[in-house]
Amino acid sequence: MFGLHGILSIIFWLLSLAAFLLCVVALVHAVRIPARAFPAAGKQTKQLWLVILGFATLFTFAAAVQYLGALSIFTIAAVIAAGIYLADVKPAVNEQKGGGNQGPYGPW
């Protein structure tokens, strides 16, 4: 039968998988944004964010395949880094990447 340990293992594996997907989404977004949008938004450079998010994706992948413990300090730091990118950097650079077709009320 499934004991408490088995259920908790599944829950932590699902959390690790969700953390990995969060980092992948952040990394893919950072790759697609032009490099000039980062300094224009007052954020760190694109290269620095790619390194940070690359390592974050690596560490969360290691947690998802259960190479690292699900709650290792690296996994927690990776989720925090991806969260900062998605909550702070992504909205700022999305405003900067727009081209010349931006009107006063949005794209036209």
N, C-alpha and C. Protein backbone atom coordinates (compact mmCIF):
# COMPACT_ATOMS: atom_id res chain seq x y z
N MET A 1 0.83 -1.19 0.00
CA MET A 1 0.00 0.00 0.00
C MET A 1 0.88 1.24 0.00
N PHE A 2 0.25 2.32 -0.39
CA PHE A 2 0.93 3.60 -0.36
C PHE A 2 0.93 4.13 1.05
N GLY A 3 2.08 4.39 1.57
CA GLY A 3 2.16 4.99 2.88
C GLY A 3 2.31 6.49 2.76
N LEU A 4 2.47 7.11 3.88
CA LEU A 4 2.66 8.56 3.91
C LEU A 4 3.93 8.95 3.16
N HIS A 5 4.96 8.14 3.28
CA HIS A 5 6.22 8.43 2.60
C HIS A 5 6.03 8.43 1.08
N GLY A 6 5.26 7.51 0.55
CA GLY A 6 5.02 7.45 -0.90
C GLY A 6 4.24 8.65 -1.40
N ILE A 7 3.26 9.07 -0.65
CA ILE A 7 2.45 10.23 -1.04
C ILE A 7 3.29 11.50 -1.01
N LEU A 8 4.10 11.64 0.04
CA LEU A 8 4.96 12.82 0.14
C LEU A 8 6.01 12.83 -0.97
N SER A 9 6.52 11.67 -1.34
CA SER A 9 7.48 11.60 -2.43
C SER A 9 6.86 12.08 -3.74
N ILE A 10 5.63 11.69 -3.99
CA ILE A 10 4.94 12.13 -5.21
C ILE A 10 4.68 13.63 -5.18
N ILE A 11 4.28 14.15 -4.03
CA ILE A 11 4.02 15.59 -3.90
C ILE A 11 5.29 16.39 -4.15
N PHE A 12 6.40 15.97 -3.53
CA PHE A 12 7.64 16.71 -3.73
C PHE A 12 8.18 16.56 -5.15
N TRP A 13 7.94 15.42 -5.78
CA TRP A 13 8.34 15.27 -7.16
C TRP A 13 7.53 16.20 -8.06
N LEU A 14 6.23 16.32 -7.80
CA LEU A 14 5.40 17.23 -8.58
C LEU A 14 5.82 18.68 -8.37
N LEU A 15 6.19 19.04 -7.15
CA LEU A 15 6.68 20.39 -6.88
C LEU A 15 8.00 20.64 -7.61
N SER A 16 8.86 19.64 -7.64
CA SER A 16 10.13 19.77 -8.36
C SER A 16 9.89 19.92 -9.86
N LEU A 17 8.95 19.18 -10.38
CA LEU A 17 8.60 19.29 -11.79
C LEU A 17 8.02 20.67 -12.10
N ALA A 18 7.18 21.19 -11.23
CA ALA A 18 6.62 22.53 -11.42
C ALA A 18 7.72 23.59 -11.37
N ALA A 19 8.68 23.43 -10.47
CA ALA A 19 9.80 24.37 -10.39
C ALA A 19 10.63 24.33 -11.67
N PHE A 20 10.84 23.13 -12.20
CA PHE A 20 11.58 22.99 -13.46
C PHE A 20 10.84 23.69 -14.59
N LEU A 21 9.55 23.51 -14.69
CA LEU A 21 8.76 24.15 -15.74
C LEU A 21 8.77 25.67 -15.59
N LEU A 22 8.74 26.17 -14.37
CA LEU A 22 8.82 27.60 -14.10
C LEU A 22 10.14 28.17 -14.62
N CYS A 23 11.23 27.46 -14.36
CA CYS A 23 12.54 27.92 -14.83
C CYS A 23 12.66 27.84 -16.34
N VAL A 24 12.08 26.82 -16.95
CA VAL A 24 12.12 26.70 -18.41
C VAL A 24 11.35 27.85 -19.05
N VAL A 25 10.19 28.19 -18.51
CA VAL A 25 9.40 29.30 -19.06
C VAL A 25 10.20 30.60 -18.96
N ALA A 26 10.84 30.83 -17.82
CA ALA A 26 11.63 32.05 -17.64
C ALA A 26 12.82 32.07 -18.60
N LEU A 27 13.50 30.94 -18.76
CA LEU A 27 14.66 30.88 -19.64
C LEU A 27 14.26 31.09 -21.10
N VAL A 28 13.18 30.47 -21.54
CA VAL A 28 12.72 30.64 -22.92
C VAL A 28 12.35 32.09 -23.18
N HIS A 29 11.69 32.73 -22.21
CA HIS A 29 11.34 34.14 -22.38
C HIS A 29 12.59 35.00 -22.48
N ALA A 30 13.57 34.74 -21.65
CA ALA A 30 14.80 35.54 -21.67
C ALA A 30 15.55 35.37 -22.99
N VAL A 31 15.50 34.18 -23.57
CA VAL A 31 16.17 33.94 -24.84
C VAL A 31 15.49 34.73 -25.96
N ARG A 32 14.19 34.85 -25.91
CA ARG A 32 13.44 35.47 -27.00
C ARG A 32 13.46 36.99 -26.97
N ILE A 33 13.82 37.59 -25.86
CA ILE A 33 13.80 39.04 -25.73
C ILE A 33 15.12 39.61 -26.29
N PRO A 34 15.08 40.71 -27.03
CA PRO A 34 16.31 41.32 -27.54
C PRO A 34 17.19 41.83 -26.39
N ALA A 35 18.50 41.77 -26.61
CA ALA A 35 19.45 42.16 -25.57
C ALA A 35 19.32 43.63 -25.18
N ARG A 36 18.93 44.47 -26.10
CA ARG A 36 18.83 45.90 -25.82
C ARG A 36 17.68 46.25 -24.89
N ALA A 37 16.71 45.34 -24.76
CA ALA A 37 15.54 45.62 -23.92
C ALA A 37 15.89 45.57 -22.43
N PHE A 38 16.90 44.82 -22.06
CA PHE A 38 17.24 44.69 -20.64
C PHE A 38 17.81 45.98 -20.06
N PRO A 39 18.87 46.55 -20.65
CA PRO A 39 19.37 47.82 -20.10
C PRO A 39 18.37 48.96 -20.26
N ALA A 40 17.58 48.93 -21.34
CA ALA A 40 16.58 49.98 -21.54
C ALA A 40 15.53 49.96 -20.44
N ALA A 41 15.26 48.77 -19.89
CA ALA A 41 14.29 48.65 -18.80
C ALA A 41 14.93 48.88 -17.44
N GLY A 42 16.24 49.10 -17.41
CA GLY A 42 16.93 49.33 -16.14
C GLY A 42 17.21 48.04 -15.38
N LYS A 43 17.35 46.94 -16.10
CA LYS A 43 17.60 45.63 -15.48
C LYS A 43 19.01 45.17 -15.82
N GLN A 44 19.43 44.06 -15.24
CA GLN A 44 20.74 43.48 -15.54
C GLN A 44 20.77 43.04 -17.01
N THR A 45 21.95 42.72 -17.50
CA THR A 45 22.10 42.38 -18.91
C THR A 45 21.44 41.03 -19.22
N LYS A 46 21.19 40.83 -20.50
CA LYS A 46 20.58 39.58 -20.95
C LYS A 46 21.50 38.41 -20.65
N GLN A 47 22.80 38.58 -20.87
CA GLN A 47 23.75 37.50 -20.64
C GLN A 47 23.74 37.05 -19.19
N LEU A 48 23.68 37.99 -18.26
CA LEU A 48 23.64 37.62 -16.84
C LEU A 48 22.37 36.85 -16.51
N TRP A 49 21.24 37.32 -17.04
CA TRP A 49 19.99 36.60 -16.77
C TRP A 49 19.98 35.22 -17.42
N LEU A 50 20.60 35.08 -18.57
CA LEU A 50 20.68 33.75 -19.20
C LEU A 50 21.52 32.80 -18.36
N VAL A 51 22.61 33.30 -17.79
CA VAL A 51 23.44 32.46 -16.93
C VAL A 51 22.67 32.06 -15.67
N ILE A 52 22.03 33.03 -15.03
CA ILE A 52 21.27 32.75 -13.81
C ILE A 52 20.16 31.75 -14.08
N LEU A 53 19.38 32.00 -15.13
CA LEU A 53 18.26 31.12 -15.44
C LEU A 53 18.72 29.77 -15.98
N GLY A 54 19.85 29.74 -16.64
CA GLY A 54 20.41 28.47 -17.09
C GLY A 54 20.78 27.57 -15.92
N PHE A 55 21.46 28.15 -14.93
CA PHE A 55 21.79 27.37 -13.74
C PHE A 55 20.54 27.00 -12.95
N ALA A 56 19.57 27.91 -12.91
CA ALA A 56 18.32 27.61 -12.22
C ALA A 56 17.61 26.43 -12.88
N THR A 57 17.59 26.41 -14.20
CA THR A 57 16.97 25.30 -14.91
C THR A 57 17.73 24.00 -14.67
N LEU A 58 19.04 24.08 -14.64
CA LEU A 58 19.86 22.90 -14.38
C LEU A 58 19.58 22.32 -12.99
N PHE A 59 19.55 23.19 -11.99
CA PHE A 59 19.32 22.71 -10.62
C PHE A 59 17.91 22.17 -10.41
N THR A 60 16.92 22.80 -11.02
CA THR A 60 15.57 22.28 -10.87
C THR A 60 15.37 21.00 -11.67
N PHE A 61 16.07 20.86 -12.79
CA PHE A 61 16.02 19.60 -13.52
C PHE A 61 16.62 18.48 -12.67
N ALA A 62 17.74 18.78 -12.02
CA ALA A 62 18.37 17.78 -11.15
C ALA A 62 17.43 17.38 -10.01
N ALA A 63 16.67 18.32 -9.50
CA ALA A 63 15.70 17.99 -8.45
C ALA A 63 14.54 17.18 -9.02
N ALA A 64 14.11 17.49 -10.25
CA ALA A 64 12.98 16.78 -10.84
C ALA A 64 13.33 15.33 -11.16
N VAL A 65 14.58 15.07 -11.51
CA VAL A 65 14.98 13.68 -11.76
C VAL A 65 15.53 13.04 -10.49
N GLN A 66 15.36 13.72 -9.40
CA GLN A 66 15.70 13.26 -8.06
C GLN A 66 17.18 13.00 -7.90
N TYR A 67 18.01 13.82 -8.57
CA TYR A 67 19.45 13.76 -8.35
C TYR A 67 19.81 14.56 -7.11
N LEU A 68 19.14 15.69 -6.95
CA LEU A 68 19.26 16.49 -5.73
C LEU A 68 18.00 16.29 -4.90
N GLY A 69 18.08 16.61 -3.64
CA GLY A 69 16.87 16.58 -2.83
C GLY A 69 15.90 17.65 -3.30
N ALA A 70 14.64 17.41 -3.15
CA ALA A 70 13.63 18.34 -3.65
C ALA A 70 13.73 19.71 -2.97
N LEU A 71 14.15 19.75 -1.75
CA LEU A 71 14.24 21.02 -1.04
C LEU A 71 15.69 21.42 -0.78
N SER A 72 16.58 21.14 -1.71
CA SER A 72 17.95 21.58 -1.52
C SER A 72 18.02 23.10 -1.64
N ILE A 73 19.05 23.67 -1.11
CA ILE A 73 19.20 25.12 -1.13
C ILE A 73 19.31 25.63 -2.57
N PHE A 74 19.89 24.82 -3.46
CA PHE A 74 20.03 25.22 -4.85
C PHE A 74 18.67 25.27 -5.55
N THR A 75 17.81 24.33 -5.24
CA THR A 75 16.47 24.32 -5.84
C THR A 75 15.66 25.52 -5.36
N ILE A 76 15.76 25.81 -4.09
CA ILE A 76 15.04 26.96 -3.54
C ILE A 76 15.55 28.26 -4.16
N ALA A 77 16.87 28.39 -4.27
CA ALA A 77 17.45 29.59 -4.89
C ALA A 77 17.05 29.70 -6.35
N ALA A 78 16.96 28.57 -7.04
CA ALA A 78 16.56 28.58 -8.45
C ALA A 78 15.12 29.06 -8.62
N VAL A 79 14.25 28.61 -7.76
CA VAL A 79 12.85 29.04 -7.84
C VAL A 79 12.74 30.54 -7.53
N ILE A 80 13.51 31.00 -6.57
CA ILE A 80 13.50 32.43 -6.25
C ILE A 80 14.01 33.25 -7.43
N ALA A 81 15.08 32.80 -8.08
CA ALA A 81 15.63 33.52 -9.24
C ALA A 81 14.62 33.58 -10.38
N ALA A 82 13.99 32.45 -10.67
CA ALA A 82 12.99 32.43 -11.74
C ALA A 82 11.78 33.28 -11.38
N GLY A 83 11.40 33.26 -10.12
CA GLY A 83 10.28 34.09 -9.67
C GLY A 83 10.58 35.57 -9.80
N ILE A 84 11.80 35.97 -9.45
CA ILE A 84 12.19 37.38 -9.59
C ILE A 84 12.17 37.77 -11.06
N TYR A 85 12.69 36.90 -11.91
CA TYR A 85 12.68 37.22 -13.34
C TYR A 85 11.25 37.38 -13.85
N LEU A 86 10.39 36.43 -13.53
CA LEU A 86 9.03 36.47 -14.06
C LEU A 86 8.19 37.60 -13.47
N ALA A 87 8.44 37.96 -12.22
CA ALA A 87 7.63 38.99 -11.57
C ALA A 87 8.15 40.40 -11.81
N ASP A 88 9.46 40.55 -11.97
CA ASP A 88 10.03 41.89 -12.05
C ASP A 88 10.61 42.20 -13.43
N VAL A 89 11.44 41.33 -13.94
CA VAL A 89 12.16 41.62 -15.17
C VAL A 89 11.27 41.44 -16.40
N LYS A 90 10.50 40.37 -16.45
CA LYS A 90 9.67 40.09 -17.63
C LYS A 90 8.71 41.24 -17.96
N PRO A 91 7.95 41.77 -17.00
CA PRO A 91 7.07 42.88 -17.36
C PRO A 91 7.83 44.12 -17.83
N ALA A 92 8.99 44.38 -17.24
CA ALA A 92 9.75 45.56 -17.63
C ALA A 92 10.31 45.43 -19.04
N VAL A 93 10.85 44.27 -19.38
CA VAL A 93 11.42 44.12 -20.72
C VAL A 93 10.34 43.95 -21.78
N ASN A 94 9.18 43.45 -21.40
CA ASN A 94 8.08 43.35 -22.37
C ASN A 94 7.65 44.74 -22.84
N GLU A 95 7.72 45.73 -21.96
CA GLU A 95 7.38 47.10 -22.34
C GLU A 95 8.41 47.67 -23.31
N GLN A 96 9.65 47.23 -23.19
CA GLN A 96 10.74 47.78 -24.01
C GLN A 96 10.88 47.11 -25.36
N LYS A 97 10.39 45.90 -25.51
CA LYS A 97 10.62 45.17 -26.77
C LYS A 97 9.71 45.62 -27.89
N GLY A 98 8.68 46.38 -27.57
CA GLY A 98 7.75 46.81 -28.61
C GLY A 98 8.43 47.64 -29.68
N GLY A 99 7.93 47.54 -30.89
CA GLY A 99 8.52 48.28 -32.01
C GLY A 99 7.86 49.63 -32.18
N GLY A 100 7.79 50.08 -33.43
CA GLY A 100 7.24 51.40 -33.72
C GLY A 100 5.73 51.40 -33.84
N ASN A 101 5.07 50.28 -33.64
CA ASN A 101 3.62 50.25 -33.81
C ASN A 101 2.89 50.37 -32.48
N GLN A 102 3.48 51.06 -31.53
CA GLN A 102 2.84 51.26 -30.23
C GLN A 102 2.14 52.61 -30.23
N GLY A 103 0.85 52.59 -29.99
CA GLY A 103 0.11 53.83 -29.86
C GLY A 103 -0.02 54.21 -28.40
N PRO A 104 -0.73 55.28 -28.09
CA PRO A 104 -0.87 55.70 -26.70
C PRO A 104 -1.70 54.74 -25.86
N TYR A 105 -2.48 53.89 -26.51
CA TYR A 105 -3.33 52.93 -25.79
C TYR A 105 -2.93 51.49 -26.03
N GLY A 106 -1.76 51.25 -26.58
CA GLY A 106 -1.31 49.90 -26.85
C GLY A 106 -0.99 49.71 -28.32
N PRO A 107 -0.74 48.47 -28.72
CA PRO A 107 -0.37 48.25 -30.12
C PRO A 107 -1.55 48.50 -31.07
N TRP A 108 -1.24 48.92 -32.27
CA TRP A 108 -2.28 49.15 -33.27
C TRP A 108 -1.89 48.55 -34.58
